Amino acid sequence: MGSRDATSPRLALRWLRERTRDITDQLDAPYAQPGLHWLTDEAEHERALAYMTGGTGYQLTLHDESTCFVLLAYPVGVKS
């Protein structure tokens, strides 16, 4: 559903937040809750930054009854 190059882990995290907002806006409330929680979870954001800064990818998965959304951010040169 799209990709974007980011020049830093912080910009990659910003992209993850934007896409998560877009996806949760389209989901019914019960399915949106994990994404809405993730959007406010600063400790998890710091963990994502630590992974990406350390050279490891970070994945967030959201779903409803029929669709699975996988958001993945990883450093250049790392295969998904």
Protein backbone atom coordinates (compact mmCIF):
# COMPACT_ATOMS: atom_id res chain seq x y z
CA MET A 1 0.00 0.00 0.00
CA GLY A 2 3.01 2.23 -0.16
CA SER A 3 6.52 2.88 0.91
CA ARG A 4 8.71 5.81 1.74
CA ASP A 5 12.41 6.37 2.18
CA ALA A 6 13.31 8.11 5.43
CA THR A 7 16.69 9.63 6.15
CA SER A 8 16.63 8.82 9.86
CA PRO A 9 14.94 6.50 12.37
CA ARG A 10 12.93 9.47 13.71
CA LEU A 11 11.53 10.18 10.26
CA ALA A 12 10.73 6.50 9.84
CA LEU A 13 8.86 6.61 13.17
CA ARG A 14 6.98 9.70 11.98
CA TRP A 15 5.92 7.74 8.87
CA LEU A 16 4.78 4.82 11.05
CA ARG A 17 2.67 7.21 13.12
CA GLU A 18 1.10 8.82 10.05
CA ARG A 19 0.23 5.48 8.46
CA THR A 20 -1.11 4.13 11.77
CA ARG A 21 -3.39 7.19 12.07
CA ASP A 22 -4.59 6.67 8.49
CA ILE A 23 -5.33 3.00 9.10
CA THR A 24 -7.04 3.44 12.48
CA ASP A 25 -9.28 6.12 10.95
CA GLN A 26 -10.60 3.46 8.59
CA LEU A 27 -11.11 0.65 11.12
CA ASP A 28 -14.14 0.05 13.31
CA ALA A 29 -13.52 1.11 16.92
CA PRO A 30 -12.70 -2.32 18.40
CA TYR A 31 -10.11 -3.01 15.69
CA ALA A 32 -8.68 0.51 15.87
CA GLN A 33 -7.92 0.28 19.62
CA PRO A 34 -4.48 -1.40 19.34
CA GLY A 35 -3.34 1.21 16.82
CA LEU A 36 -4.74 4.08 18.89
CA HIS A 37 -2.94 2.71 21.93
CA TRP A 38 0.30 2.39 19.95
CA LEU A 39 -0.01 6.04 18.86
CA THR A 40 0.17 7.18 22.49
CA ASP A 41 2.72 4.63 23.72
CA GLU A 42 5.91 6.70 24.05
CA ALA A 43 7.86 3.78 25.54
CA GLU A 44 7.07 1.67 22.48
CA HIS A 45 8.11 4.54 20.21
CA GLU A 46 11.45 4.70 22.00
CA ARG A 47 11.81 0.94 21.59
CA ALA A 48 11.11 1.27 17.85
CA LEU A 49 13.75 4.01 17.59
CA ALA A 50 16.25 1.86 19.46
CA TYR A 51 15.63 -1.06 17.10
CA MET A 52 16.01 1.06 13.99
CA THR A 53 19.04 2.94 15.32
CA GLY A 54 20.64 -0.39 16.19
CA GLY A 55 20.12 -1.72 12.67
CA THR A 56 17.04 -3.86 13.29
CA GLY A 57 13.68 -3.39 11.60
CA TYR A 58 10.47 -2.62 13.47
CA GLN A 59 7.05 -4.03 12.60
CA LEU A 60 3.53 -3.02 13.63
CA THR A 61 0.57 -5.17 12.58
CA LEU A 62 -3.06 -4.03 12.64
CA HIS A 63 -6.07 -5.95 11.40
CA ASP A 64 -9.81 -6.23 11.20
CA GLU A 65 -12.03 -9.15 10.22
CA SER A 66 -10.76 -9.41 6.67
CA THR A 67 -7.59 -7.35 6.29
CA CYS A 68 -4.13 -7.36 7.83
CA PHE A 69 -1.98 -4.21 7.70
CA VAL A 70 1.74 -4.71 8.31
CA LEU A 71 3.80 -1.57 8.77
CA LEU A 72 7.52 -2.20 8.57
CA ALA A 73 10.45 0.18 8.96
CA TYR A 74 14.01 -1.00 8.60
CA PRO A 75 17.43 0.56 8.00
CA VAL A 76 18.78 0.72 4.47
CA GLY A 77 20.66 -2.43 3.57
CA VAL A 78 18.59 -4.66 5.87
CA LYS A 79 16.38 -7.16 4.09
CA SER A 80 12.80 -7.45 5.33
